[in-house]
C-alpha cells in the first residue's frame, strides 16, 4: 500500500516538474551565463531601449542581478558592458517592473554575469 502511494506521489511530482519546465521554456527562454546571452542575444554591446518587440526584457534591481551592467561610451566588448544607441543595436531591451527575462544591476566597475 505504502509503495503504491509512493509511486503515485513520484509520478505526480515528475509530471509537475515537466509542466514547470515547459512553462519556463514557453514563458521566456534561457539566460546563458557563460556566453552572456539570452536566447542567443548578447547582453553586451550596442543596446537600444525599446517599448515594444524587445529581444530581452530586463528589470533593474539593487541586489542579486543576473548581470552587472556598466554603461560605456566605447568598446562594449565584454559581458555587461552596454553602450546605449538609438540605431543599429546588437540587442534591443525593454525595461519592465515584473516578469523580466534578465535582472540587471548598474555598476561603475567590474561588469559581468554573476
PDB file of N, CA and C in Angstrom:
ATOM      1  N   UNK A   1       0.818  -1.200   0.000  1.00  0.00           N
ATOM      2  CA  UNK A   1       0.000   0.000   0.000  1.00  0.00           C
ATOM      3  C   UNK A   1       0.864   1.267   0.000  1.00  0.00           C
ATOM      4  N   UNK A   2       1.849   1.311   0.920  1.00  0.00           N
ATOM      5  CA  UNK A   2       2.719   2.484   1.004  1.00  0.00           C
ATOM      6  C   UNK A   2       3.550   2.638  -0.264  1.00  0.00           C
ATOM      7  N   UNK A   3       3.985   1.510  -0.810  1.00  0.00           N
ATOM      8  CA  UNK A   3       4.785   1.546  -2.028  1.00  0.00           C
ATOM      9  C   UNK A   3       3.961   2.115  -3.194  1.00  0.00           C
ATOM     10  N   UNK A   4       2.707   1.737  -3.265  1.00  0.00           N
ATOM     11  CA  UNK A   4       1.814   2.223  -4.317  1.00  0.00           C
ATOM     12  C   UNK A   4       1.601   3.735  -4.184  1.00  0.00           C
ATOM     13  N   UNK A   5       1.427   4.208  -2.953  1.00  0.00           N
ATOM     14  CA  UNK A   5       1.287   5.643  -2.714  1.00  0.00           C
ATOM     15  C   UNK A   5       2.551   6.395  -3.110  1.00  0.00           C
ATOM     16  N   UNK A   6       3.693   5.830  -2.780  1.00  0.00           N
ATOM     17  CA  UNK A   6       4.971   6.437  -3.118  1.00  0.00           C
ATOM     18  C   UNK A   6       5.142   6.543  -4.630  1.00  0.00           C
ATOM     19  N   UNK A   7       4.778   5.507  -5.349  1.00  0.00           N
ATOM     20  CA  UNK A   7       4.864   5.511  -6.811  1.00  0.00           C
ATOM     21  C   UNK A   7       3.957   6.589  -7.394  1.00  0.00           C
ATOM     22  N   UNK A   8       2.729   6.700  -6.886  1.00  0.00           N
ATOM     23  CA  UNK A   8       1.801   7.732  -7.366  1.00  0.00           C
ATOM     24  C   UNK A   8       2.326   9.137  -7.051  1.00  0.00           C
ATOM     25  N   UNK A   9       2.886   9.313  -5.863  1.00  0.00           N
ATOM     26  CA  UNK A   9       3.426  10.619  -5.482  1.00  0.00           C
ATOM     27  C   UNK A   9       4.602  11.003  -6.379  1.00  0.00           C
ATOM     28  N   UNK A  10       5.492  10.069  -6.638  1.00  0.00           N
ATOM     29  CA  UNK A  10       6.633  10.343  -7.518  1.00  0.00           C
ATOM     30  C   UNK A  10       6.183  10.641  -8.942  1.00  0.00           C
ATOM     31  N   UNK A  11       5.194   9.915  -9.420  1.00  0.00           N
ATOM     32  CA  UNK A  11       4.663  10.163 -10.761  1.00  0.00           C
ATOM     33  C   UNK A  11       4.078  11.568 -10.853  1.00  0.00           C
ATOM     34  N   UNK A  12       3.328  11.970  -9.844  1.00  0.00           N
ATOM     35  CA  UNK A  12       2.746  13.315  -9.821  1.00  0.00           C
ATOM     36  C   UNK A  12       3.844  14.379  -9.766  1.00  0.00           C
ATOM     37  N   UNK A  13       4.873  14.150  -8.965  1.00  0.00           N
ATOM     38  CA  UNK A  13       5.981  15.100  -8.850  1.00  0.00           C
ATOM     39  C   UNK A  13       6.703  15.261 -10.176  1.00  0.00           C
ATOM     40  N   UNK A  14       6.938  14.174 -10.876  1.00  0.00           N
ATOM     41  CA  UNK A  14       7.599  14.233 -12.184  1.00  0.00           C
ATOM     42  C   UNK A  14       6.730  14.986 -13.185  1.00  0.00           C
ATOM     43  N   UNK A  15       5.426  14.776 -13.143  1.00  0.00           N
ATOM     44  CA  UNK A  15       4.511  15.477 -14.047  1.00  0.00           C
ATOM     45  C   UNK A  15       4.531  16.979 -13.781  1.00  0.00           C
ATOM     46  N   UNK A  16       4.540  17.376 -12.516  1.00  0.00           N
ATOM     47  CA  UNK A  16       4.584  18.799 -12.156  1.00  0.00           C
ATOM     48  C   UNK A  16       5.903  19.414 -12.609  1.00  0.00           C
ATOM     49  N   UNK A  17       7.016  18.722 -12.393  1.00  0.00           N
ATOM     50  CA  UNK A  17       8.324  19.233 -12.807  1.00  0.00           C
ATOM     51  C   UNK A  17       8.379  19.409 -14.319  1.00  0.00           C
ATOM     52  N   UNK A  18       7.830  18.488 -15.064  1.00  0.00           N
ATOM     53  CA  UNK A  18       7.800  18.599 -16.521  1.00  0.00           C
ATOM     54  C   UNK A  18       6.969  19.778 -16.974  1.00  0.00           C
ATOM     55  N   UNK A  19       5.831  19.986 -16.322  1.00  0.00           N
ATOM     56  CA  UNK A  19       4.972  21.119 -16.647  1.00  0.00           C
ATOM     57  C   UNK A  19       5.680  22.433 -16.358  1.00  0.00           C
ATOM     58  N   UNK A  20       6.364  22.527 -15.226  1.00  0.00           N
ATOM     59  CA  UNK A  20       7.075  23.759 -14.882  1.00  0.00           C
ATOM     60  C   UNK A  20       8.178  24.067 -15.883  1.00  0.00           C
ATOM     61  N   UNK A  21       8.931  23.064 -16.309  1.00  0.00           N
ATOM     62  CA  UNK A  21       9.993  23.323 -17.272  1.00  0.00           C
ATOM     63  C   UNK A  21       9.422  23.726 -18.624  1.00  0.00           C
ATOM     64  N   UNK A  22       8.282  23.164 -19.002  1.00  0.00           N
ATOM     65  CA  UNK A  22       7.627  23.555 -20.247  1.00  0.00           C
ATOM     66  C   UNK A  22       7.156  25.000 -20.164  1.00  0.00           C
ATOM     67  N   UNK A  23       6.550  25.376 -19.036  1.00  0.00           N
ATOM     68  CA  UNK A  23       6.100  26.756 -18.867  1.00  0.00           C
ATOM     69  C   UNK A  23       7.267  27.726 -18.908  1.00  0.00           C
ATOM     70  N   UNK A  24       8.386  27.365 -18.294  1.00  0.00           N
ATOM     71  CA  UNK A  24       9.576  28.219 -18.295  1.00  0.00           C
ATOM     72  C   UNK A  24      10.078  28.433 -19.719  1.00  0.00           C
ATOM     73  N   UNK A  25      10.117  27.360 -20.502  1.00  0.00           N
ATOM     74  CA  UNK A  25      10.591  27.466 -21.877  1.00  0.00           C
ATOM     75  C   UNK A  25       9.647  28.327 -22.714  1.00  0.00           C
ATOM     76  N   UNK A  26       8.325  28.157 -22.498  1.00  0.00           N
ATOM     77  CA  UNK A  26       7.363  28.949 -23.252  1.00  0.00           C
ATOM     78  C   UNK A  26       7.351  30.396 -22.805  1.00  0.00           C
ATOM     79  N   UNK A  27       7.527  30.632 -21.503  1.00  0.00           N
ATOM     80  CA  UNK A  27       7.400  31.972 -20.955  1.00  0.00           C
ATOM     81  C   UNK A  27       8.581  32.852 -21.299  1.00  0.00           C
ATOM     82  N   UNK A  28       9.765  32.311 -21.356  1.00  0.00           N
ATOM     83  CA  UNK A  28      10.868  33.213 -21.545  1.00  0.00           C
ATOM     84  C   UNK A  28      11.950  32.696 -22.436  1.00  0.00           C
ATOM     85  N   UNK A  29      12.657  31.753 -22.001  1.00  0.00           N
ATOM     86  CA  UNK A  29      13.811  31.296 -22.724  1.00  0.00           C
ATOM     87  C   UNK A  29      14.893  31.002 -21.733  1.00  0.00           C
ATOM     88  N   UNK A  30      16.115  31.205 -22.169  1.00  0.00           N
ATOM     89  CA  UNK A  30      17.182  30.854 -21.255  1.00  0.00           C
ATOM     90  C   UNK A  30      18.313  31.859 -21.261  1.00  0.00           C
ATOM     91  N   UNK A  31      18.795  32.152 -20.070  1.00  0.00           N
ATOM     92  CA  UNK A  31      19.940  33.019 -19.862  1.00  0.00           C
ATOM     93  C   UNK A  31      21.161  32.119 -19.773  1.00  0.00           C
ATOM     94  N   UNK A  32      22.152  32.358 -20.624  1.00  0.00           N
ATOM     95  CA  UNK A  32      23.374  31.570 -20.624  1.00  0.00           C
ATOM     96  C   UNK A  32      24.482  32.410 -20.003  1.00  0.00           C
ATOM     97  N   UNK A  33      24.840  32.063 -18.791  1.00  0.00           N
ATOM     98  CA  UNK A  33      25.827  32.825 -18.031  1.00  0.00           C
ATOM     99  C   UNK A  33      27.208  32.787 -18.692  1.00  0.00           C
ATOM    100  N   UNK A  34      27.602  31.633 -19.196  1.00  0.00           N
ATOM    101  CA  UNK A  34      28.957  31.501 -19.743  1.00  0.00           C
ATOM    102  C   UNK A  34      29.165  32.304 -21.028  1.00  0.00           C
ATOM    103  N   UNK A  35      28.126  32.423 -21.854  1.00  0.00           N
ATOM    104  CA  UNK A  35      28.270  33.215 -23.076  1.00  0.00           C
ATOM    105  C   UNK A  35      27.665  34.607 -22.942  1.00  0.00           C
ATOM    106  N   UNK A  36      27.087  34.898 -21.777  1.00  0.00           N
ATOM    107  CA  UNK A  36      26.471  36.198 -21.502  1.00  0.00           C
ATOM    108  C   UNK A  36      25.422  36.533 -22.566  1.00  0.00           C
ATOM    109  N   UNK A  37      24.499  35.581 -22.766  1.00  0.00           N
ATOM    110  CA  UNK A  37      23.439  35.774 -23.750  1.00  0.00           C
ATOM    111  C   UNK A  37      22.095  35.349 -23.173  1.00  0.00           C
ATOM    112  N   UNK A  38      21.048  35.854 -23.791  1.00  0.00           N
ATOM    113  CA  UNK A  38      19.696  35.389 -23.504  1.00  0.00           C
ATOM    114  C   UNK A  38      19.088  35.010 -24.844  1.00  0.00           C
ATOM    115  N   UNK A  39      18.744  33.744 -24.997  1.00  0.00           N
ATOM    116  CA  UNK A  39      18.225  33.232 -26.274  1.00  0.00           C
ATOM    117  C   UNK A  39      19.113  33.632 -27.452  1.00  0.00           C
ATOM    118  N   UNK A  40      20.419  33.613 -27.231  1.00  0.00           N
ATOM    119  CA  UNK A  40      21.363  33.926 -28.295  1.00  0.00           C
ATOM    120  C   UNK A  40      21.636  35.406 -28.495  1.00  0.00           C
ATOM    121  N   UNK A  41      20.915  36.272 -27.797  1.00  0.00           N
ATOM    122  CA  UNK A  41      21.140  37.719 -27.912  1.00  0.00           C
ATOM    123  C   UNK A  41      22.160  38.158 -26.874  1.00  0.00           C
ATOM    124  N   UNK A  42      23.172  38.894 -27.308  1.00  0.00           N
ATOM    125  CA  UNK A  42      24.254  39.324 -26.431  1.00  0.00           C
ATOM    126  C   UNK A  42      23.753  40.278 -25.343  1.00  0.00           C
ATOM    127  N   UNK A  43      24.259  40.081 -24.138  1.00  0.00           N
ATOM    128  CA  UNK A  43      23.970  41.001 -23.033  1.00  0.00           C
ATOM    129  C   UNK A  43      25.172  41.922 -22.829  1.00  0.00           C
ATOM    130  N   UNK A  44      25.722  42.336 -23.942  1.00  0.00           N
ATOM    131  CA  UNK A  44      26.797  43.325 -24.004  1.00  0.00           C
ATOM    132  C   UNK A  44      26.780  43.873 -25.423  1.00  0.00           C
ATOM    133  N   UNK A  45      27.459  44.978 -25.618  1.00  0.00           N
ATOM    134  CA  UNK A  45      27.490  45.558 -26.955  1.00  0.00           C
ATOM    135  C   UNK A  45      26.605  46.782 -27.041  1.00  0.00           C
ATOM    136  N   UNK A  46      26.134  47.048 -28.258  1.00  0.00           N
ATOM    137  CA  UNK A  46      25.284  48.208 -28.513  1.00  0.00           C
ATOM    138  C   UNK A  46      23.850  47.839 -28.176  1.00  0.00           C
ATOM    139  N   UNK A  47      23.278  48.571 -27.219  1.00  0.00           N
ATOM    140  CA  UNK A  47      21.959  48.264 -26.670  1.00  0.00           C
ATOM    141  C   UNK A  47      20.995  49.405 -26.991  1.00  0.00           C
ATOM    142  N   UNK A  48      19.829  49.042 -27.512  1.00  0.00           N
ATOM    143  CA  UNK A  48      18.784  50.032 -27.777  1.00  0.00           C
ATOM    144  C   UNK A  48      17.607  49.750 -26.855  1.00  0.00           C
ATOM    145  N   UNK A  49      17.120  50.786 -26.193  1.00  0.00           N
ATOM    146  CA  UNK A  49      15.947  50.652 -25.322  1.00  0.00           C
ATOM    147  C   UNK A  49      14.701  50.869 -26.175  1.00  0.00           C
ATOM    148  N   UNK A  50      13.778  49.912 -26.107  1.00  0.00           N
ATOM    149  CA  UNK A  50      12.535  49.993 -26.879  1.00  0.00           C
ATOM    150  C   UNK A  50      11.346  49.796 -25.938  1.00  0.00           C
ATOM    151  N   UNK A  51      10.166  50.142 -26.425  1.00  0.00           N
ATOM    152  CA  UNK A  51       8.951  49.954 -25.622  1.00  0.00           C
ATOM    153  C   UNK A  51       8.115  48.778 -26.106  1.00  0.00           C
ATOM    154  N   UNK A  52       8.486  48.219 -27.257  1.00  0.00           N
ATOM    155  CA  UNK A  52       7.783  47.033 -27.756  1.00  0.00           C
ATOM    156  C   UNK A  52       8.725  46.200 -28.614  1.00  0.00           C
ATOM    157  N   UNK A  53       8.404  44.937 -28.726  1.00  0.00           N
ATOM    158  CA  UNK A  53       9.178  43.967 -29.503  1.00  0.00           C
ATOM    159  C   UNK A  53      10.660  43.911 -29.113  1.00  0.00           C
ATOM    160  N   UNK A  54      10.946  43.717 -27.816  1.00  0.00           N
ATOM    161  CA  UNK A  54      12.346  43.625 -27.389  1.00  0.00           C
ATOM    162  C   UNK A  54      12.922  42.243 -27.660  1.00  0.00           C
ATOM    163  N   UNK A  55      14.234  42.182 -27.701  1.00  0.00           N
ATOM    164  CA  UNK A  55      14.917  40.890 -27.721  1.00  0.00           C
ATOM    165  C   UNK A  55      14.937  40.314 -26.311  1.00  0.00           C
ATOM    166  N   UNK A  56      15.084  41.218 -25.324  1.00  0.00           N
ATOM    167  CA  UNK A  56      15.205  40.815 -23.926  1.00  0.00           C
ATOM    168  C   UNK A  56      14.444  41.801 -23.045  1.00  0.00           C
ATOM    169  N   UNK A  57      13.660  41.276 -22.110  1.00  0.00           N
ATOM    170  CA  UNK A  57      13.003  42.120 -21.106  1.00  0.00           C
ATOM    171  C   UNK A  57      13.901  42.141 -19.877  1.00  0.00           C
ATOM    172  N   UNK A  58      14.280  43.338 -19.426  1.00  0.00           N
ATOM    173  CA  UNK A  58      15.181  43.460 -18.280  1.00  0.00           C
ATOM    174  C   UNK A  58      14.518  44.233 -17.155  1.00  0.00           C
ATOM    175  N   UNK A  59      14.934  43.901 -15.946  1.00  0.00           N
ATOM    176  CA  UNK A  59      14.469  44.606 -14.754  1.00  0.00           C
ATOM    177  C   UNK A  59      15.694  45.072 -13.997  1.00  0.00           C
ATOM    178  N   UNK A  60      15.707  46.348 -13.646  1.00  0.00           N
ATOM    179  CA  UNK A  60      16.808  46.873 -12.841  1.00  0.00           C
ATOM    180  C   UNK A  60      16.546  46.537 -11.378  1.00  0.00           C
ATOM    181  N   UNK A  61      17.535  45.930 -10.728  1.00  0.00           N
ATOM    182  CA  UNK A  61      17.429  45.547  -9.325  1.00  0.00           C
ATOM    183  C   UNK A  61      18.625  46.104  -8.569  1.00  0.00           C
ATOM    184  N   UNK A  62      18.512  46.144  -7.246  1.00  0.00           N
ATOM    185  CA  UNK A  62      19.624  46.643  -6.434  1.00  0.00           C
ATOM    186  C   UNK A  62      20.433  45.517  -5.805  1.00  0.00           C
ATOM    187  N   UNK A  63      19.925  44.296  -5.920  1.00  0.00           N
ATOM    188  CA  UNK A  63      20.681  43.152  -5.402  1.00  0.00           C
ATOM    189  C   UNK A  63      20.307  41.883  -6.170  1.00  0.00           C
ATOM    190  N   UNK A  64      21.197  40.916  -6.148  1.00  0.00           N
ATOM    191  CA  UNK A  64      21.026  39.621  -6.807  1.00  0.00           C
ATOM    192  C   UNK A  64      20.702  39.720  -8.302  1.00  0.00           C
ATOM    193  N   UNK A  65      21.511  40.470  -9.068  1.00  0.00           N
ATOM    194  CA  UNK A  65      21.275  40.543 -10.509  1.00  0.00           C
ATOM    195  C   UNK A  65      21.805  39.306 -11.228  1.00  0.00           C
ATOM    196  N   UNK A  66      21.318  39.099 -12.428  1.00  0.00           N
ATOM    197  CA  UNK A  66      21.901  38.085 -13.299  1.00  0.00           C
ATOM    198  C   UNK A  66      23.169  38.644 -13.941  1.00  0.00           C
ATOM    199  N   UNK A  67      23.109  39.934 -14.297  1.00  0.00           N
ATOM    200  CA  UNK A  67      24.232  40.598 -14.951  1.00  0.00           C
ATOM    201  C   UNK A  67      24.452  41.972 -14.324  1.00  0.00           C
ATOM    202  N   UNK A  68      25.701  42.269 -14.009  1.00  0.00           N
ATOM    203  CA  UNK A  68      26.070  43.614 -13.564  1.00  0.00           C
ATOM    204  C   UNK A  68      26.443  44.402 -14.812  1.00  0.00           C
ATOM    205  N   UNK A  69      25.783  45.552 -15.012  1.00  0.00           N
ATOM    206  CA  UNK A  69      25.924  46.328 -16.237  1.00  0.00           C
ATOM    207  C   UNK A  69      26.675  47.626 -15.974  1.00  0.00           C
ATOM    208  N   UNK A  70      27.673  47.876 -16.824  1.00  0.00           N
ATOM    209  CA  UNK A  70      28.415  49.134 -16.780  1.00  0.00           C
ATOM    210  C   UNK A  70      28.108  49.888 -18.071  1.00  0.00           C
ATOM    211  N   UNK A  71      27.630  51.126 -17.946  1.00  0.00           N
ATOM    212  CA  UNK A  71      27.378  51.960 -19.119  1.00  0.00           C
ATOM    213  C   UNK A  71      28.723  52.456 -19.642  1.00  0.00           C
ATOM    214  N   UNK A  72      28.976  52.252 -20.923  1.00  0.00           N
ATOM    215  CA  UNK A  72      30.226  52.700 -21.536  1.00  0.00           C
ATOM    216  C   UNK A  72      29.915  53.496 -22.789  1.00  0.00           C
ATOM    217  N   UNK A  73      30.879  54.287 -23.239  1.00  0.00           N
ATOM    218  CA  UNK A  73      30.702  55.073 -24.464  1.00  0.00           C
ATOM    219  C   UNK A  73      31.485  54.489 -25.632  1.00  0.00           C
ATOM    220  N   UNK A  74      32.337  53.509 -25.339  1.00  0.00           N
ATOM    221  CA  UNK A  74      33.074  52.837 -26.410  1.00  0.00           C
ATOM    222  C   UNK A  74      33.533  51.464 -25.935  1.00  0.00           C
ATOM    223  N   UNK A  75      33.862  50.625 -26.887  1.00  0.00           N
ATOM    224  CA  UNK A  75      34.355  49.270 -26.625  1.00  0.00           C
ATOM    225  C   UNK A  75      33.448  48.435 -25.700  1.00  0.00           C
ATOM    226  N   UNK A  76      32.182  48.272 -26.067  1.00  0.00           N
ATOM    227  CA  UNK A  76      31.289  47.412 -25.273  1.00  0.00           C
ATOM    228  C   UNK A  76      31.488  45.941 -25.656  1.00  0.00           C
ATOM    229  N   UNK A  77      32.689  45.439 -25.402  1.00  0.00           N
ATOM    230  CA  UNK A  77      33.079  44.154 -25.970  1.00  0.00           C
ATOM    231  C   UNK A  77      33.174  42.998 -24.986  1.00  0.00           C
ATOM    232  N   UNK A  78      32.669  43.200 -23.766  1.00  0.00           N
ATOM    233  CA  UNK A  78      32.670  42.086 -22.817  1.00  0.00           C
ATOM    234  C   UNK A  78      31.378  42.101 -22.004  1.00  0.00           C
ATOM    235  N   UNK A  79      31.118  40.992 -21.350  1.00  0.00           N
ATOM    236  CA  UNK A  79      29.857  40.789 -20.642  1.00  0.00           C
ATOM    237  C   UNK A  79      29.509  41.948 -19.710  1.00  0.00           C
ATOM    238  N   UNK A  80      28.319  42.501 -19.886  1.00  0.00           N
ATOM    239  CA  UNK A  80      27.829  43.553 -19.015  1.00  0.00           C
ATOM    240  C   UNK A  80      28.192  44.966 -19.432  1.00  0.00           C
ATOM    241  N   UNK A  81      29.009  45.134 -20.458  1.00  0.00           N
ATOM    242  CA  UNK A  81      29.341  46.481 -20.938  1.00  0.00           C
ATOM    243  C   UNK A  81      28.312  46.880 -21.985  1.00  0.00           C
ATOM    244  N   UNK A  82      27.526  47.907 -21.657  1.00  0.00           N
ATOM    245  CA  UNK A  82      26.450  48.350 -22.531  1.00  0.00           C
ATOM    246  C   UNK A  82      26.725  49.749 -23.039  1.00  0.00           C
ATOM    247  N   UNK A  83      26.674  49.899 -24.366  1.00  0.00           N
ATOM    248  CA  UNK A  83      26.730  51.213 -24.993  1.00  0.00           C
ATOM    249  C   UNK A  83      25.341  51.474 -25.551  1.00  0.00           C
ATOM    250  N   UNK A  84      24.650  52.455 -24.986  1.00  0.00           N
ATOM    251  CA  UNK A  84      23.283  52.737 -25.418  1.00  0.00           C
ATOM    252  C   UNK A  84      23.298  53.488 -26.743  1.00  0.00           C
ATOM    253  N   UNK A  85      22.492  53.001 -27.695  1.00  0.00           N
ATOM    254  CA  UNK A  85      22.406  53.586 -29.027  1.00  0.00           C
ATOM    255  C   UNK A  85      20.941  53.747 -29.408  1.00  0.00           C
ATOM    256  N   UNK A  86      20.694  54.552 -30.443  1.00  0.00           N
ATOM    257  CA  UNK A  86      19.328  54.727 -30.938  1.00  0.00           C
ATOM    258  C   UNK A  86      19.100  54.032 -32.274  1.00  0.00           C
ATOM    259  N   UNK A  87      20.162  53.498 -32.858  1.00  0.00           N
ATOM    260  CA  UNK A  87      20.015  52.751 -34.103  1.00  0.00           C
ATOM    261  C   UNK A  87      21.116  51.706 -34.243  1.00  0.00           C
ATOM    262  N   UNK A  88      20.864  50.722 -35.057  1.00  0.00           N
ATOM    263  CA  UNK A  88      21.796  49.624 -35.322  1.00  0.00           C
ATOM    264  C   UNK A  88      22.297  48.923 -34.051  1.00  0.00           C
ATOM    265  N   UNK A  89      21.357  48.465 -33.212  1.00  0.00           N
ATOM    266  CA  UNK A  89      21.767  47.792 -31.971  1.00  0.00           C
ATOM    267  C   UNK A  89      22.166  46.339 -32.202  1.00  0.00           C
ATOM    268  N   UNK A  90      22.938  45.820 -31.269  1.00  0.00           N
ATOM    269  CA  UNK A  90      23.182  44.379 -31.217  1.00  0.00           C
ATOM    270  C   UNK A  90      21.985  43.690 -30.565  1.00  0.00           C
ATOM    271  N   UNK A  91      21.424  44.375 -29.548  1.00  0.00           N
ATOM    272  CA  UNK A  91      20.309  43.822 -28.772  1.00  0.00           C
ATOM    273  C   UNK A  91      19.340  44.943 -28.416  1.00  0.00           C
ATOM    274  N   UNK A  92      18.042  44.639 -28.492  1.00  0.00           N
ATOM    275  CA  UNK A  92      17.007  45.586 -28.073  1.00  0.00           C
ATOM    276  C   UNK A  92      16.448  45.122 -26.737  1.00  0.00           C
ATOM    277  N   UNK A  93      16.395  46.034 -25.755  1.00  0.00           N
ATOM    278  CA  UNK A  93      15.875  45.690 -24.437  1.00  0.00           C
ATOM    279  C   UNK A  93      14.675  46.560 -24.093  1.00  0.00           C
ATOM    280  N   UNK A  94      13.795  45.977 -23.295  1.00  0.00           N
ATOM    281  CA  UNK A  94      12.649  46.703 -22.754  1.00  0.00           C
ATOM    282  C   UNK A  94      12.743  46.592 -21.250  1.00  0.00           C
ATOM    283  N   UNK A  95      12.663  47.721 -20.556  1.00  0.00           N
ATOM    284  CA  UNK A  95      12.689  47.710 -19.099  1.00  0.00           C
ATOM    285  C   UNK A  95      11.285  47.425 -18.588  1.00  0.00           C
ATOM    286  N   UNK A  96      11.187  46.444 -17.694  1.00  0.00           N
ATOM    287  CA  UNK A  96       9.909  46.040 -17.121  1.00  0.00           C
ATOM    288  C   UNK A  96      10.025  46.031 -15.601  1.00  0.00           C
ATOM    289  N   UNK A  97       8.879  46.088 -14.932  1.00  0.00           N
ATOM    290  CA  UNK A  97       8.896  46.059 -13.465  1.00  0.00           C
ATOM    291  C   UNK A  97       8.570  44.672 -12.913  1.00  0.00           C
ATOM    292  N   UNK A  98       8.114  43.784 -13.785  1.00  0.00           N
ATOM    293  CA  UNK A  98       7.851  42.408 -13.344  1.00  0.00           C
ATOM    294  C   UNK A  98       8.020  41.443 -14.517  1.00  0.00           C
ATOM    295  N   UNK A  99       8.259  40.201 -14.187  1.00  0.00           N
ATOM    296  CA  UNK A  99       8.447  39.128 -15.159  1.00  0.00           C
ATOM    297  C   UNK A  99       9.556  39.411 -16.173  1.00  0.00           C
ATOM    298  N   UNK A 100      10.750  39.751 -15.690  1.00  0.00           N
ATOM    299  CA  UNK A 100      11.858  40.003 -16.623  1.00  0.00           C
ATOM    300  C   UNK A 100      12.465  38.694 -17.127  1.00  0.00           C
ATOM    301  N   UNK A 101      13.149  38.796 -18.242  1.00  0.00           N
ATOM    302  CA  UNK A 101      13.962  37.680 -18.716  1.00  0.00           C
ATOM    303  C   UNK A 101      15.286  37.665 -17.958  1.00  0.00           C
ATOM    304  N   UNK A 102      15.811  38.869 -17.711  1.00  0.00           N
ATOM    305  CA  UNK A 102      17.112  39.022 -17.056  1.00  0.00           C
ATOM    306  C   UNK A 102      17.040  40.197 -16.084  1.00  0.00           C
ATOM    307  N   UNK A 103      17.647  40.026 -14.908  1.00  0.00           N
ATOM    308  CA  UNK A 103      17.738  41.107 -13.928  1.00  0.00           C
ATOM    309  C   UNK A 103      19.126  41.719 -14.010  1.00  0.00           C
ATOM    310  N   UNK A 104      19.179  43.071 -14.046  1.00  0.00           N
ATOM    311  CA  UNK A 104      20.464  43.763 -14.140  1.00  0.00           C
ATOM    312  C   UNK A 104      20.647  44.723 -12.967  1.00  0.00           C
ATOM    313  N   UNK A 105      21.894  44.992 -12.676  1.00  0.00           N
ATOM    314  CA  UNK A 105      22.246  45.995 -11.674  1.00  0.00           C
ATOM    315  C   UNK A 105      23.329  46.856 -12.289  1.00  0.00           C
ATOM    316  N   UNK A 106      23.147  48.178 -12.252  1.00  0.00           N
ATOM    317  CA  UNK A 106      24.154  49.089 -12.796  1.00  0.00           C
ATOM    318  C   UNK A 106      25.314  49.177 -11.813  1.00  0.00           C
ATOM    319  N   UNK A 107      26.533  49.132 -12.349  1.00  0.00           N
ATOM    320  CA  UNK A 107      27.750  49.249 -11.561  1.00  0.00           C
ATOM    321  C   UNK A 107      28.703  50.201 -12.279  1.00  0.00           C
ATOM    322  N   UNK A 108      29.661  50.751 -11.530  1.00  0.00           N
ATOM    323  CA  UNK A 108      30.649  51.629 -12.146  1.00  0.00           C
ATOM    324  C   UNK A 108      31.930  50.879 -12.508  1.00  0.00           C
ATOM    325  N   UNK A 109      32.057  49.657 -12.015  1.00  0.00           N
ATOM    326  CA  UNK A 109      33.211  48.829 -12.367  1.00  0.00           C
ATOM    327  C   UNK A 109      32.869  47.354 -12.189  1.00  0.00           C
ATOM    328  N   UNK A 110      33.674  46.505 -12.754  1.00  0.00           N
ATOM    329  CA  UNK A 110      33.508  45.044 -12.672  1.00  0.00           C
ATOM    330  C   UNK A 110      32.144  44.551 -13.168  1.00  0.00           C
ATOM    331  N   UNK A 111      31.804  44.864 -14.436  1.00  0.00           N
ATOM    332  CA  UNK A 111      30.552  44.338 -15.004  1.00  0.00           C
ATOM    333  C   UNK A 111      30.684  42.856 -15.308  1.00  0.00           C
ATOM    334  N   UNK A 112      29.566  42.201 -15.521  1.00  0.00           N
ATOM    335  CA  UNK A 112      29.583  40.801 -15.936  1.00  0.00           C
ATOM    336  C   UNK A 112      28.489  39.987 -15.277  1.00  0.00           C
ATOM    337  N   UNK A 113      28.454  38.704 -15.638  1.00  0.00           N
ATOM    338  CA  UNK A 113      27.448  37.793 -15.117  1.00  0.00           C
ATOM    339  C   UNK A 113      27.877  37.288 -13.740  1.00  0.00           C
ATOM    340  N   UNK A 114      26.903  37.141 -12.870  1.00  0.00           N
ATOM    341  CA  UNK A 114      27.182  36.629 -11.527  1.00  0.00           C
ATOM    342  C   UNK A 114      27.180  35.127 -11.505  1.00  0.00           C
TER     343      UNK A 114
END
